[in-house]
Amino acid sequence: MQKEILYEIKAIYRDDFRVTGYRFGKGEHSVCIMGSMRGNEYQQIYVCSQLIKKLRVLEERGRIKEGKEILVIPCGNPYSVNTQKRFWTIDNTDINRMFPGYDLGETTQRIAGGIFEKVKDYDYGIQFASFYMPGNFVPQVRMMKTGAENVELAKKFGLPYVVLHNPRPFDTTTLNYNWQVWETDAFSIYTTSTKEIDKGSAKQALDAILNFLSKQDIIEYKGYEGYISRVVESQNFIDVRTTCAGFFEQCAKAGEKVEAGQVLAVITDPYTAEILQEITSPVSGIVAFAHNETLAYQNTAVYKLIQEEDEL
């Protein structure tokens, strides 16, 4: 294992900003794995730490294939992690909306450009991502539909779902999208949590990465094969919204199978404890996303459901 500073900004009043990478094996740029890009993505850093621990053992045992190199970057935004802010601490911009970056631009553009220069030439790019809304996901691998997406490759992770997403204008400045533009097969992995460490889904993500690397002949490894993935279009997720604001009590979790009419959550008045809304499932299916904050606002999508195939 080689530890390397991939990008650095000199600081005046505090420690320098550094993006650190860990290299395994030698040879062609086979796969780059990116962890946290936002300050509250603790689960994403944790999964990378477990991957680094495992790859270190595999390398010591000679199980990384000759001529293959793996790069793991646990965190692309350590300043925001240290200050517990989701976005850049100075101007609240999102590094993952700044790719491919610009070396003469604003700070987050320069960081994105510095990172992208180091990761753009890999055959495969894998990012541990998080959703823009607070909540938990069913484990999945997500790809943007750029015309370069490869569904069969995505199935090799063995996660329950492969989600295809039509990029919106602001998605074109993400790492995933730009990886694909630069002819890297790119995948975003979603585990169950973001701000909390969930060891169960972290282990599932670790197994998925190792199985993918094995199937692509990058490492020698035999592990849990995982699921036969179901392919879903993100536009076919069924949103379940609140009709009022209040305290949010979750009754169904991400990954649960629910029936039409089942109560998913309850909204109560913070002052009187009056039940304002019982949120029910409009269909039978799987909970793909579940809001997990104490408060919920009016007209917010607090659940996203994947409808059962026999009901489509």
Protein backbone atom coordinates (compact mmCIF):
# COMPACT_ATOMS: atom_id res chain seq x y z
CA MET A 1 0.00 0.00 0.00
CA GLN A 2 1.22 3.48 -0.86
CA LYS A 3 -0.24 6.54 0.85
CA GLU A 4 -0.14 9.64 -1.33
CA ILE A 5 -1.26 13.27 -1.15
CA LEU A 6 -3.25 13.69 -4.37
CA TYR A 7 -4.15 17.36 -3.98
CA GLU A 8 -3.16 20.04 -1.48
CA ILE A 9 -4.00 23.68 -0.72
CA LYS A 10 -1.73 25.64 1.59
CA ALA A 11 -3.61 27.28 4.45
CA ILE A 12 -2.75 30.44 6.37
CA TYR A 13 -4.49 29.92 9.71
CA ARG A 14 -5.09 26.18 9.98
CA ASP A 15 -3.70 22.87 8.73
CA ASP A 16 -3.33 22.50 4.96
CA PHE A 17 -6.19 21.04 2.93
CA ARG A 18 -5.16 17.59 1.69
CA VAL A 19 -6.88 14.91 -0.33
CA THR A 20 -5.22 11.58 0.47
CA GLY A 21 -5.24 8.44 -1.67
CA TYR A 22 -4.17 4.84 -1.02
CA ARG A 23 -2.75 2.83 -3.92
CA PHE A 24 -2.66 -0.95 -4.16
CA GLY A 25 -0.88 -2.97 -6.81
CA LYS A 26 1.08 -1.61 -9.79
CA GLY A 27 0.31 -1.19 -13.45
CA GLU A 28 -2.62 0.11 -15.46
CA HIS A 29 -5.17 2.37 -13.79
CA SER A 30 -7.82 -0.27 -13.20
CA VAL A 31 -10.26 1.16 -10.64
CA CYS A 32 -10.65 4.28 -8.51
CA ILE A 33 -12.97 4.26 -5.49
CA MET A 34 -14.10 7.63 -4.14
CA GLY A 35 -15.55 8.06 -0.66
CA SER A 36 -16.95 11.16 1.01
CA MET A 37 -17.25 14.42 -0.95
CA ARG A 38 -19.48 16.08 1.64
CA GLY A 39 -18.87 16.82 5.27
CA ASN A 40 -21.60 14.59 6.70
CA GLU A 41 -20.83 11.45 4.67
CA TYR A 42 -19.37 9.47 7.55
CA GLN A 43 -20.68 6.12 6.30
CA GLN A 44 -18.90 6.66 2.98
CA ILE A 45 -15.57 7.26 4.73
CA TYR A 46 -16.15 4.22 6.94
CA VAL A 47 -16.76 1.89 3.98
CA CYS A 48 -13.54 3.12 2.35
CA SER A 49 -11.62 2.47 5.56
CA GLN A 50 -12.89 -1.13 5.60
CA LEU A 51 -11.96 -1.51 1.93
CA ILE A 52 -8.44 -0.19 2.54
CA LYS A 53 -8.04 -2.63 5.44
CA LYS A 54 -9.12 -5.56 3.24
CA LEU A 55 -7.08 -4.55 0.18
CA ARG A 56 -3.98 -4.22 2.35
CA VAL A 57 -4.34 -7.85 3.41
CA LEU A 58 -5.04 -9.01 -0.15
CA GLU A 59 -1.96 -7.15 -1.41
CA GLU A 60 0.24 -8.71 1.29
CA ARG A 61 -1.02 -12.14 0.20
CA GLY A 62 -0.28 -11.42 -3.48
CA ARG A 63 -3.95 -11.43 -4.50
CA ILE A 64 -3.99 -8.22 -6.50
CA LYS A 65 -3.49 -9.26 -10.09
CA GLU A 66 -0.22 -8.36 -11.79
CA GLY A 67 -0.38 -5.15 -13.82
CA LYS A 68 -3.46 -3.82 -11.97
CA GLU A 69 -3.65 -0.74 -9.75
CA ILE A 70 -6.45 0.26 -7.36
CA LEU A 71 -6.78 3.77 -5.91
CA VAL A 72 -9.00 4.45 -2.86
CA ILE A 73 -9.75 8.04 -1.79
CA PRO A 74 -11.64 7.98 1.53
CA CYS A 75 -12.48 11.70 1.61
CA GLY A 76 -12.39 14.55 -0.91
CA ASN A 77 -13.51 17.25 1.53
CA PRO A 78 -11.81 16.85 4.94
CA TYR A 79 -12.35 20.53 5.91
CA SER A 80 -16.14 20.11 5.88
CA VAL A 81 -15.89 16.84 7.81
CA ASN A 82 -13.81 18.58 10.47
CA THR A 83 -16.37 21.39 10.83
CA GLN A 84 -19.37 19.06 10.52
CA LYS A 85 -20.85 20.95 7.56
CA ARG A 86 -22.24 19.13 4.54
CA PHE A 87 -20.86 21.58 1.96
CA TRP A 88 -17.76 23.76 1.65
CA THR A 89 -17.30 25.71 4.86
CA ILE A 90 -16.76 29.17 3.33
CA ASP A 91 -19.46 29.57 0.68
CA ASN A 92 -21.63 26.44 1.12
CA THR A 93 -20.87 25.13 -2.38
CA ASP A 94 -20.88 21.44 -3.23
CA ILE A 95 -17.63 19.96 -4.58
CA ASN A 96 -19.64 17.22 -6.29
CA ARG A 97 -21.34 19.92 -8.39
CA MET A 98 -18.02 21.35 -9.64
CA PHE A 99 -16.63 18.65 -11.97
CA PRO A 100 -14.59 18.43 -14.13
CA GLY A 101 -13.27 21.45 -12.23
CA TYR A 102 -11.25 24.52 -13.18
CA ASP A 103 -7.75 25.18 -11.86
CA LEU A 104 -8.19 28.99 -12.01
CA GLY A 105 -11.72 29.07 -10.60
CA GLU A 106 -13.25 29.23 -7.13
CA THR A 107 -11.82 27.03 -4.38
CA THR A 108 -14.27 24.15 -4.84
CA GLN A 109 -13.72 24.26 -8.63
CA ARG A 110 -9.97 23.97 -8.03
CA ILE A 111 -10.44 21.06 -5.62
CA ALA A 112 -12.70 19.24 -8.10
CA GLY A 113 -10.20 19.90 -10.89
CA GLY A 114 -7.29 18.64 -8.76
CA ILE A 115 -9.16 15.46 -7.85
CA PHE A 116 -10.42 14.82 -11.37
CA GLU A 117 -6.93 15.15 -12.84
CA LYS A 118 -5.88 12.19 -10.64
CA VAL A 119 -8.94 9.96 -11.25
CA LYS A 120 -10.07 10.57 -14.84
CA ASP A 121 -7.94 7.90 -16.54
CA TYR A 122 -9.21 4.82 -14.68
CA ASP A 123 -11.12 1.99 -16.38
CA TYR A 124 -13.71 1.89 -13.58
CA GLY A 125 -14.83 4.63 -11.22
CA ILE A 126 -16.88 3.86 -8.11
CA GLN A 127 -18.23 6.58 -5.81
CA PHE A 128 -19.92 6.11 -2.44
CA ALA A 129 -22.64 8.73 -2.78
CA SER A 130 -25.42 10.22 -0.67
CA PHE A 131 -28.84 11.61 -1.51
CA TYR A 132 -29.70 15.31 -1.38
CA MET A 133 -32.54 14.60 1.09
CA PRO A 134 -31.94 13.19 4.60
CA GLY A 135 -32.91 9.54 4.90
CA ASN A 136 -32.00 5.91 4.38
CA PHE A 137 -31.72 3.99 1.10
CA VAL A 138 -32.09 0.38 0.12
CA PRO A 139 -28.54 -0.60 -1.01
CA GLN A 140 -28.18 0.02 -4.73
CA VAL A 141 -25.80 0.88 -7.55
CA ARG A 142 -26.85 3.91 -9.57
CA MET A 143 -25.75 5.03 -13.03
CA MET A 144 -26.51 8.13 -15.05
CA LYS A 145 -27.94 7.54 -18.50
CA THR A 146 -25.33 9.23 -20.67
CA GLY A 147 -25.40 6.66 -23.44
CA ALA A 148 -22.21 5.17 -22.00
CA GLU A 149 -23.79 3.36 -19.03
CA ASN A 150 -23.24 -0.40 -18.78
CA VAL A 151 -26.07 -2.21 -16.98
CA GLU A 152 -24.51 -5.66 -17.20
CA LEU A 153 -21.37 -4.39 -15.47
CA ALA A 154 -23.48 -2.81 -12.72
CA LYS A 155 -25.17 -6.15 -12.02
CA LYS A 156 -21.77 -7.63 -11.14
CA PHE A 157 -21.78 -5.78 -7.80
CA GLY A 158 -24.57 -8.09 -6.64
CA LEU A 159 -26.58 -5.34 -4.92
CA PRO A 160 -30.39 -5.63 -4.78
CA TYR A 161 -31.06 -2.85 -7.32
CA VAL A 162 -29.43 -1.19 -10.30
CA VAL A 163 -30.99 2.26 -10.69
CA LEU A 164 -30.77 4.17 -13.99
CA HIS A 165 -31.09 7.92 -13.67
CA ASN A 166 -31.80 10.49 -16.40
CA PRO A 167 -29.32 13.32 -15.67
CA ARG A 168 -30.73 16.75 -14.93
CA PRO A 169 -28.71 19.87 -15.88
CA PHE A 170 -26.95 20.09 -12.49
CA ASP A 171 -26.05 16.38 -12.67
CA THR A 172 -23.67 17.13 -15.55
CA THR A 173 -21.21 18.64 -13.05
CA THR A 174 -20.97 15.52 -10.86
CA LEU A 175 -18.01 13.14 -10.69
CA ASN A 176 -20.11 10.21 -11.95
CA TYR A 177 -21.27 12.03 -15.08
CA ASN A 178 -17.82 13.38 -15.96
CA TRP A 179 -16.19 10.01 -15.41
CA GLN A 180 -18.52 8.63 -18.08
CA VAL A 181 -17.76 11.54 -20.44
CA TRP A 182 -14.06 10.70 -20.07
CA GLU A 183 -14.86 7.05 -20.97
CA THR A 184 -14.65 5.58 -17.47
CA ASP A 185 -17.32 3.03 -16.52
CA ALA A 186 -18.78 4.90 -13.53
CA PHE A 187 -21.03 3.71 -10.71
CA SER A 188 -22.47 5.35 -7.60
CA ILE A 189 -22.99 3.04 -4.63
CA TYR A 190 -25.66 3.92 -2.06
CA THR A 191 -25.57 2.19 1.31
CA THR A 192 -28.34 2.53 3.89
CA SER A 193 -27.04 5.53 5.83
CA THR A 194 -25.02 8.74 5.51
CA LYS A 195 -24.49 10.52 8.84
CA GLU A 196 -24.62 7.32 10.90
CA ILE A 197 -22.33 4.32 10.49
CA ASP A 198 -24.38 1.27 9.54
CA LYS A 199 -22.02 -1.70 9.75
CA GLY A 200 -24.46 -4.10 8.10
CA SER A 201 -24.88 -2.12 4.88
CA ALA A 202 -21.18 -1.14 4.99
CA LYS A 203 -20.29 -4.85 4.94
CA GLN A 204 -22.70 -5.37 2.03
CA ALA A 205 -21.02 -2.53 0.11
CA LEU A 206 -17.55 -3.92 0.87
CA ASP A 207 -18.58 -7.37 -0.41
CA ALA A 208 -20.08 -5.76 -3.52
CA ILE A 209 -16.84 -3.93 -4.35
CA LEU A 210 -14.65 -6.98 -3.76
CA ASN A 211 -16.92 -9.18 -5.87
CA PHE A 212 -16.88 -6.65 -8.70
CA LEU A 213 -13.07 -6.42 -8.59
CA SER A 214 -12.85 -10.21 -8.63
CA LYS A 215 -15.23 -10.58 -11.60
CA GLN A 216 -13.23 -7.96 -13.53
CA ASP A 217 -10.02 -9.94 -12.87
CA ILE A 218 -8.43 -7.18 -10.76
CA ILE A 219 -8.13 -9.18 -7.53
CA GLU A 220 -8.20 -12.85 -6.57
CA TYR A 221 -11.13 -13.17 -4.19
CA LYS A 222 -14.03 -15.47 -3.55
CA GLY A 223 -16.82 -14.00 -1.48
CA TYR A 224 -20.57 -13.69 -1.10
CA GLU A 225 -22.14 -13.52 -4.57
CA GLY A 226 -24.95 -11.20 -3.52
CA TYR A 227 -28.26 -10.61 -5.31
CA ILE A 228 -29.51 -10.97 -8.85
CA SER A 229 -30.03 -7.23 -9.32
CA ARG A 230 -33.33 -5.78 -10.46
CA VAL A 231 -32.96 -2.86 -12.88
CA VAL A 232 -35.17 0.15 -12.06
CA GLU A 233 -35.55 3.58 -13.67
CA SER A 234 -35.35 6.33 -11.02
CA GLN A 235 -38.26 8.11 -12.73
CA ASN A 236 -40.44 5.09 -11.86
CA PHE A 237 -39.90 5.48 -8.13
CA ILE A 238 -43.23 6.35 -6.49
CA ASP A 239 -43.00 9.42 -4.26
CA VAL A 240 -45.08 9.49 -1.07
CA ARG A 241 -45.44 13.06 0.21
CA THR A 242 -46.56 14.80 3.37
CA THR A 243 -49.64 17.02 3.38
CA CYS A 244 -48.54 18.95 6.48
CA ALA A 245 -45.47 19.67 8.59
CA GLY A 246 -44.68 18.28 12.03
CA PHE A 247 -42.83 15.63 14.00
CA PHE A 248 -42.11 12.59 11.83
CA GLU A 249 -42.49 9.07 13.22
CA GLN A 250 -41.15 6.43 10.84
CA CYS A 251 -43.11 3.17 10.71
CA ALA A 252 -41.45 1.51 7.69
CA LYS A 253 -37.72 1.37 7.00
CA ALA A 254 -35.66 1.32 3.80
CA GLY A 255 -35.62 -2.15 2.26
CA GLU A 256 -38.91 -3.25 3.86
CA LYS A 257 -41.67 -4.82 1.81
CA VAL A 258 -44.95 -2.92 2.31
CA GLU A 259 -48.53 -3.49 1.23
CA ALA A 260 -50.92 -1.01 -0.34
CA GLY A 261 -52.67 0.94 2.43
CA GLN A 262 -50.04 0.15 5.06
CA VAL A 263 -49.09 3.03 7.38
CA LEU A 264 -45.55 4.18 6.54
CA ALA A 265 -45.26 7.10 8.97
CA VAL A 266 -47.22 9.43 11.23
CA ILE A 267 -47.02 13.24 11.34
CA THR A 268 -47.94 14.84 14.68
CA ASP A 269 -48.36 18.45 15.81
CA PRO A 270 -45.20 19.44 17.77
CA TYR A 271 -47.27 21.55 20.20
CA THR A 272 -50.37 19.42 20.83
CA ALA A 273 -49.32 15.86 19.84
CA GLU A 274 -52.40 15.73 17.60
CA ILE A 275 -52.05 13.29 14.70
CA LEU A 276 -52.06 15.45 11.59
CA GLN A 277 -51.46 12.74 8.97
CA GLU A 278 -51.08 9.00 8.67
CA ILE A 279 -48.95 8.45 5.61
CA THR A 280 -50.01 5.27 3.82
CA SER A 281 -48.50 3.34 0.94
CA PRO A 282 -50.32 3.81 -2.38
CA VAL A 283 -48.95 0.48 -3.75
CA SER A 284 -47.39 -2.79 -2.65
CA GLY A 285 -43.63 -2.82 -3.07
CA ILE A 286 -40.24 -2.11 -1.51
CA VAL A 287 -39.23 1.01 0.39
CA ALA A 288 -36.34 2.43 -1.65
CA PHE A 289 -35.94 5.58 0.45
CA ALA A 290 -37.23 6.59 3.88
CA HIS A 291 -36.95 10.01 5.53
CA ASN A 292 -35.25 9.73 8.92
CA GLU A 293 -35.23 13.22 10.43
CA THR A 294 -37.28 14.29 13.44
CA LEU A 295 -39.12 16.99 11.50
CA ALA A 296 -40.84 16.74 8.14
CA TYR A 297 -42.00 19.68 6.05
CA GLN A 298 -45.19 20.01 4.04
CA ASN A 299 -45.27 18.49 0.54
CA THR A 300 -41.97 16.65 1.07
CA ALA A 301 -41.26 13.24 -0.48
CA VAL A 302 -40.59 11.26 2.71
CA TYR A 303 -40.75 7.86 1.00
CA LYS A 304 -39.81 6.51 -2.42
CA LEU A 305 -41.25 3.13 -3.33
CA ILE A 306 -40.37 0.49 -5.91
CA GLN A 307 -43.63 -1.08 -7.01
CA GLU A 308 -43.86 -4.87 -7.14
CA GLU A 309 -43.31 -6.09 -10.69
CA ASP A 310 -46.54 -8.09 -10.86
CA GLU A 311 -48.51 -4.91 -10.09
CA LEU A 312 -46.95 -2.77 -12.82
